[in-house]
């Protein structure tokens, strides 16, 4: 398994640092513009919740970026977290015999 060493940055942190702060947007104002609750956005930017596909679409529309790029950030983080607790009881398949 090829594990990434450094923990990927949460997409909420990227949204906060690269979008909200430069535009001087409060959580309340950014949530209003995205059409989500203040609580939902707060949990996202404070790394308490993962990025949902719906939120990725809302952010992509608001920032003129791709939803895929936001979801890729979340997927990298989710996979990194899972790899930290990778199972040790898996027996590899002998793929040579399968061909």
N, C-alpha and C. Protein backbone atom coordinates (compact mmCIF):
# COMPACT_ATOMS: atom_id res chain seq x y z
N UNK A 1 0.85 -1.18 0.00
CA UNK A 1 0.00 0.00 0.00
C UNK A 1 0.90 1.24 0.00
N UNK A 2 0.58 2.19 -0.86
CA UNK A 2 1.38 3.41 -1.00
C UNK A 2 0.70 4.53 -0.22
N UNK A 3 1.06 4.64 1.07
CA UNK A 3 0.40 5.63 1.93
C UNK A 3 1.07 6.99 1.82
N UNK A 4 0.23 8.01 1.81
CA UNK A 4 0.70 9.39 1.82
C UNK A 4 1.21 9.69 3.24
N UNK A 5 2.32 10.36 3.33
CA UNK A 5 2.92 10.67 4.63
C UNK A 5 2.16 11.79 5.34
N UNK A 6 1.98 12.91 4.66
CA UNK A 6 1.35 14.08 5.27
C UNK A 6 -0.16 14.00 5.14
N UNK A 7 -0.83 14.38 6.21
CA UNK A 7 -2.29 14.40 6.18
C UNK A 7 -2.76 15.47 5.20
N UNK A 8 -3.62 15.10 4.23
CA UNK A 8 -4.14 16.10 3.30
C UNK A 8 -4.97 17.16 4.04
N UNK A 9 -4.97 18.36 3.50
CA UNK A 9 -5.72 19.45 4.11
C UNK A 9 -7.21 19.25 3.89
N UNK A 10 -7.99 19.48 4.92
CA UNK A 10 -9.45 19.37 4.84
C UNK A 10 -9.96 20.43 3.86
N UNK A 11 -10.91 20.07 2.97
CA UNK A 11 -11.42 21.07 2.03
C UNK A 11 -12.09 22.26 2.71
N UNK A 12 -12.60 22.07 3.92
CA UNK A 12 -13.19 23.18 4.66
C UNK A 12 -12.16 24.24 5.02
N UNK A 13 -10.96 23.79 5.36
CA UNK A 13 -9.87 24.71 5.66
C UNK A 13 -9.47 25.48 4.41
N UNK A 14 -9.42 24.78 3.28
CA UNK A 14 -9.08 25.44 2.02
C UNK A 14 -10.14 26.47 1.66
N UNK A 15 -11.41 26.11 1.84
CA UNK A 15 -12.49 27.05 1.55
C UNK A 15 -12.39 28.28 2.45
N UNK A 16 -12.11 28.06 3.72
CA UNK A 16 -11.98 29.16 4.67
C UNK A 16 -10.79 30.06 4.31
N UNK A 17 -9.63 29.46 4.09
CA UNK A 17 -8.40 30.24 3.87
C UNK A 17 -8.31 30.86 2.48
N UNK A 18 -8.80 30.14 1.46
CA UNK A 18 -8.62 30.60 0.07
C UNK A 18 -9.83 31.33 -0.51
N UNK A 19 -10.98 31.19 0.14
CA UNK A 19 -12.19 31.84 -0.39
C UNK A 19 -12.75 32.84 0.61
N UNK A 20 -13.12 32.37 1.78
CA UNK A 20 -13.79 33.23 2.74
C UNK A 20 -12.91 34.38 3.26
N UNK A 21 -11.70 34.06 3.70
CA UNK A 21 -10.83 35.10 4.26
C UNK A 21 -10.45 36.17 3.23
N UNK A 22 -10.00 35.78 2.02
CA UNK A 22 -9.67 36.82 1.04
C UNK A 22 -10.85 37.72 0.67
N UNK A 23 -12.06 37.16 0.70
CA UNK A 23 -13.26 37.93 0.37
C UNK A 23 -13.86 38.60 1.61
N UNK A 24 -13.23 38.38 2.76
CA UNK A 24 -13.70 38.94 4.02
C UNK A 24 -15.15 38.53 4.31
N UNK A 25 -15.44 37.25 4.08
CA UNK A 25 -16.80 36.72 4.31
C UNK A 25 -16.89 36.05 5.67
N UNK A 26 -17.91 36.39 6.41
CA UNK A 26 -18.19 35.69 7.66
C UNK A 26 -18.83 34.35 7.33
N UNK A 27 -18.87 33.46 8.29
CA UNK A 27 -19.55 32.18 8.09
C UNK A 27 -21.02 32.43 7.77
N UNK A 28 -21.62 33.37 8.45
CA UNK A 28 -23.04 33.69 8.22
C UNK A 28 -23.28 34.15 6.79
N UNK A 29 -22.45 35.07 6.31
CA UNK A 29 -22.63 35.60 4.95
C UNK A 29 -22.31 34.54 3.89
N UNK A 30 -21.24 33.78 4.09
CA UNK A 30 -20.89 32.74 3.13
C UNK A 30 -21.98 31.67 3.08
N UNK A 31 -22.53 31.32 4.23
CA UNK A 31 -23.62 30.33 4.28
C UNK A 31 -24.85 30.84 3.54
N UNK A 32 -25.16 32.12 3.74
CA UNK A 32 -26.31 32.72 3.04
C UNK A 32 -26.10 32.64 1.54
N UNK A 33 -24.92 33.00 1.09
CA UNK A 33 -24.64 32.98 -0.35
C UNK A 33 -24.64 31.58 -0.93
N UNK A 34 -24.21 30.60 -0.14
CA UNK A 34 -24.21 29.21 -0.61
C UNK A 34 -25.59 28.56 -0.51
N UNK A 35 -26.48 29.17 0.29
CA UNK A 35 -27.81 28.59 0.47
C UNK A 35 -27.83 27.42 1.43
N UNK A 36 -26.92 27.48 2.43
CA UNK A 36 -26.86 26.43 3.45
C UNK A 36 -26.99 27.07 4.83
N UNK A 37 -27.18 26.25 5.84
CA UNK A 37 -27.28 26.80 7.19
C UNK A 37 -25.91 27.24 7.69
N UNK A 38 -25.93 28.19 8.60
CA UNK A 38 -24.69 28.66 9.20
C UNK A 38 -24.00 27.51 9.90
N UNK A 39 -24.79 26.68 10.58
CA UNK A 39 -24.23 25.53 11.32
C UNK A 39 -23.53 24.57 10.37
N UNK A 40 -24.15 24.27 9.23
CA UNK A 40 -23.55 23.33 8.27
C UNK A 40 -22.21 23.86 7.76
N UNK A 41 -22.15 25.14 7.43
CA UNK A 41 -20.91 25.72 6.92
C UNK A 41 -19.86 25.80 8.02
N UNK A 42 -20.28 26.17 9.22
CA UNK A 42 -19.36 26.25 10.35
C UNK A 42 -18.71 24.89 10.63
N UNK A 43 -19.52 23.84 10.63
CA UNK A 43 -18.98 22.50 10.88
C UNK A 43 -18.01 22.09 9.77
N UNK A 44 -18.31 22.48 8.54
CA UNK A 44 -17.43 22.16 7.41
C UNK A 44 -16.09 22.90 7.51
N UNK A 45 -16.12 24.21 7.71
CA UNK A 45 -14.87 24.97 7.75
C UNK A 45 -14.06 24.71 9.02
N UNK A 46 -14.70 24.18 10.05
CA UNK A 46 -14.00 23.83 11.28
C UNK A 46 -13.65 22.34 11.35
N UNK A 47 -13.72 21.68 10.20
CA UNK A 47 -13.33 20.27 10.05
C UNK A 47 -14.12 19.31 10.93
N UNK A 48 -15.35 19.68 11.25
CA UNK A 48 -16.21 18.80 12.05
C UNK A 48 -17.07 17.90 11.16
N UNK A 49 -17.18 18.26 9.88
CA UNK A 49 -17.94 17.44 8.93
C UNK A 49 -17.19 17.35 7.61
N UNK A 50 -17.50 16.29 6.89
CA UNK A 50 -16.91 16.08 5.57
C UNK A 50 -17.67 16.88 4.53
N UNK A 51 -17.05 17.04 3.40
CA UNK A 51 -17.68 17.73 2.27
C UNK A 51 -18.66 16.78 1.60
N UNK A 52 -19.91 17.20 1.48
CA UNK A 52 -20.91 16.40 0.78
C UNK A 52 -20.90 16.77 -0.70
N UNK A 53 -21.37 15.88 -1.56
CA UNK A 53 -21.48 16.24 -2.98
C UNK A 53 -22.32 17.49 -3.20
N UNK A 54 -23.40 17.64 -2.43
CA UNK A 54 -24.25 18.83 -2.57
C UNK A 54 -23.48 20.11 -2.23
N UNK A 55 -22.72 20.08 -1.14
CA UNK A 55 -21.94 21.25 -0.75
C UNK A 55 -20.86 21.52 -1.80
N UNK A 56 -20.26 20.46 -2.35
CA UNK A 56 -19.24 20.63 -3.39
C UNK A 56 -19.83 21.34 -4.60
N UNK A 57 -21.05 20.99 -4.96
CA UNK A 57 -21.72 21.64 -6.10
C UNK A 57 -21.99 23.11 -5.78
N UNK A 58 -22.47 23.38 -4.58
CA UNK A 58 -22.75 24.77 -4.18
C UNK A 58 -21.47 25.61 -4.21
N UNK A 59 -20.39 25.05 -3.66
CA UNK A 59 -19.11 25.77 -3.64
C UNK A 59 -18.60 25.97 -5.06
N UNK A 60 -18.75 24.95 -5.90
CA UNK A 60 -18.26 25.07 -7.28
C UNK A 60 -18.99 26.16 -8.05
N UNK A 61 -20.29 26.27 -7.83
CA UNK A 61 -21.08 27.31 -8.50
C UNK A 61 -20.64 28.69 -8.00
N UNK A 62 -20.50 28.81 -6.67
CA UNK A 62 -20.16 30.10 -6.07
C UNK A 62 -18.74 30.56 -6.43
N UNK A 63 -17.83 29.62 -6.62
CA UNK A 63 -16.42 29.97 -6.85
C UNK A 63 -15.98 29.76 -8.30
N UNK A 64 -16.91 29.28 -9.13
CA UNK A 64 -16.58 28.99 -10.54
C UNK A 64 -15.42 28.00 -10.65
N UNK A 65 -15.46 26.99 -9.78
CA UNK A 65 -14.48 25.90 -9.81
C UNK A 65 -15.25 24.61 -10.05
N UNK A 66 -14.57 23.49 -10.10
CA UNK A 66 -15.27 22.23 -10.34
C UNK A 66 -15.61 21.54 -9.03
N UNK A 67 -16.79 20.94 -9.00
CA UNK A 67 -17.19 20.16 -7.83
C UNK A 67 -16.23 18.99 -7.64
N UNK A 68 -15.74 18.44 -8.75
CA UNK A 68 -14.81 17.31 -8.70
C UNK A 68 -13.53 17.68 -7.95
N UNK A 69 -13.03 18.89 -8.16
CA UNK A 69 -11.79 19.28 -7.48
C UNK A 69 -12.01 19.32 -5.96
N UNK A 70 -13.16 19.80 -5.54
CA UNK A 70 -13.46 19.85 -4.10
C UNK A 70 -13.66 18.44 -3.55
N UNK A 71 -14.37 17.60 -4.29
CA UNK A 71 -14.59 16.22 -3.83
C UNK A 71 -13.30 15.42 -3.82
N UNK A 72 -12.39 15.71 -4.75
CA UNK A 72 -11.09 15.02 -4.76
C UNK A 72 -10.31 15.34 -3.48
N UNK A 73 -10.39 16.59 -3.02
CA UNK A 73 -9.72 16.95 -1.77
C UNK A 73 -10.27 16.12 -0.61
N UNK A 74 -11.61 16.01 -0.57
CA UNK A 74 -12.24 15.24 0.50
C UNK A 74 -11.88 13.77 0.40
N UNK A 75 -11.87 13.24 -0.82
CA UNK A 75 -11.55 11.82 -1.01
C UNK A 75 -10.12 11.51 -0.56
N UNK A 76 -9.18 12.38 -0.88
CA UNK A 76 -7.80 12.17 -0.46
C UNK A 76 -7.69 12.15 1.06
N UNK A 77 -8.39 13.07 1.71
CA UNK A 77 -8.38 13.12 3.17
C UNK A 77 -9.04 11.89 3.77
N UNK A 78 -10.20 11.51 3.25
CA UNK A 78 -10.93 10.35 3.75
C UNK A 78 -10.10 9.08 3.61
N UNK A 79 -9.44 8.91 2.47
CA UNK A 79 -8.61 7.75 2.24
C UNK A 79 -7.40 7.75 3.16
N UNK A 80 -6.78 8.92 3.36
CA UNK A 80 -5.62 9.01 4.26
C UNK A 80 -6.02 8.59 5.66
N UNK A 81 -7.17 9.05 6.13
CA UNK A 81 -7.65 8.69 7.47
C UNK A 81 -7.87 7.18 7.57
N UNK A 82 -8.49 6.60 6.54
CA UNK A 82 -8.74 5.16 6.53
C UNK A 82 -7.43 4.37 6.53
N UNK A 83 -6.43 4.88 5.79
CA UNK A 83 -5.13 4.19 5.72
C UNK A 83 -4.41 4.20 7.06
N UNK A 84 -4.70 5.16 7.91
CA UNK A 84 -4.06 5.19 9.23
C UNK A 84 -4.53 4.02 10.09
N UNK A 85 -5.68 3.46 9.75
CA UNK A 85 -6.24 2.33 10.48
C UNK A 85 -6.44 1.14 9.55
N UNK A 86 -5.51 0.97 8.62
CA UNK A 86 -5.63 -0.11 7.64
C UNK A 86 -5.68 -1.46 8.35
N UNK A 87 -6.53 -2.35 7.86
CA UNK A 87 -6.62 -3.68 8.49
C UNK A 87 -5.32 -4.46 8.31
N UNK A 88 -5.01 -5.28 9.30
CA UNK A 88 -3.79 -6.07 9.24
C UNK A 88 -4.08 -7.55 9.00
N UNK A 89 -5.37 -7.90 8.92
CA UNK A 89 -5.74 -9.31 8.77
C UNK A 89 -6.12 -9.69 7.34
N UNK A 90 -5.75 -8.87 6.36
CA UNK A 90 -6.09 -9.15 4.96
C UNK A 90 -4.99 -10.00 4.35
N UNK A 91 -5.38 -11.05 3.65
CA UNK A 91 -4.44 -11.93 2.96
C UNK A 91 -4.50 -11.57 1.48
N UNK A 92 -3.35 -11.27 0.91
CA UNK A 92 -3.29 -10.87 -0.50
C UNK A 92 -3.70 -12.01 -1.41
N UNK A 93 -4.38 -11.69 -2.53
CA UNK A 93 -4.70 -12.66 -3.56
C UNK A 93 -3.46 -12.88 -4.41
N UNK A 94 -3.26 -14.11 -4.86
CA UNK A 94 -2.16 -14.40 -5.76
C UNK A 94 -2.67 -14.16 -7.17
N UNK A 95 -2.44 -12.98 -7.68
CA UNK A 95 -2.99 -12.59 -8.98
C UNK A 95 -2.35 -13.32 -10.15
N UNK A 96 -1.18 -13.89 -9.97
CA UNK A 96 -0.53 -14.65 -11.04
C UNK A 96 -1.36 -15.90 -11.36
N UNK A 97 -1.87 -16.56 -10.31
CA UNK A 97 -2.69 -17.75 -10.50
C UNK A 97 -4.00 -17.42 -11.20
N UNK A 98 -4.49 -16.21 -11.04
CA UNK A 98 -5.79 -15.84 -11.62
C UNK A 98 -5.70 -15.61 -13.12
N UNK A 99 -4.50 -15.37 -13.66
CA UNK A 99 -4.41 -15.08 -15.10
C UNK A 99 -4.28 -16.30 -15.96
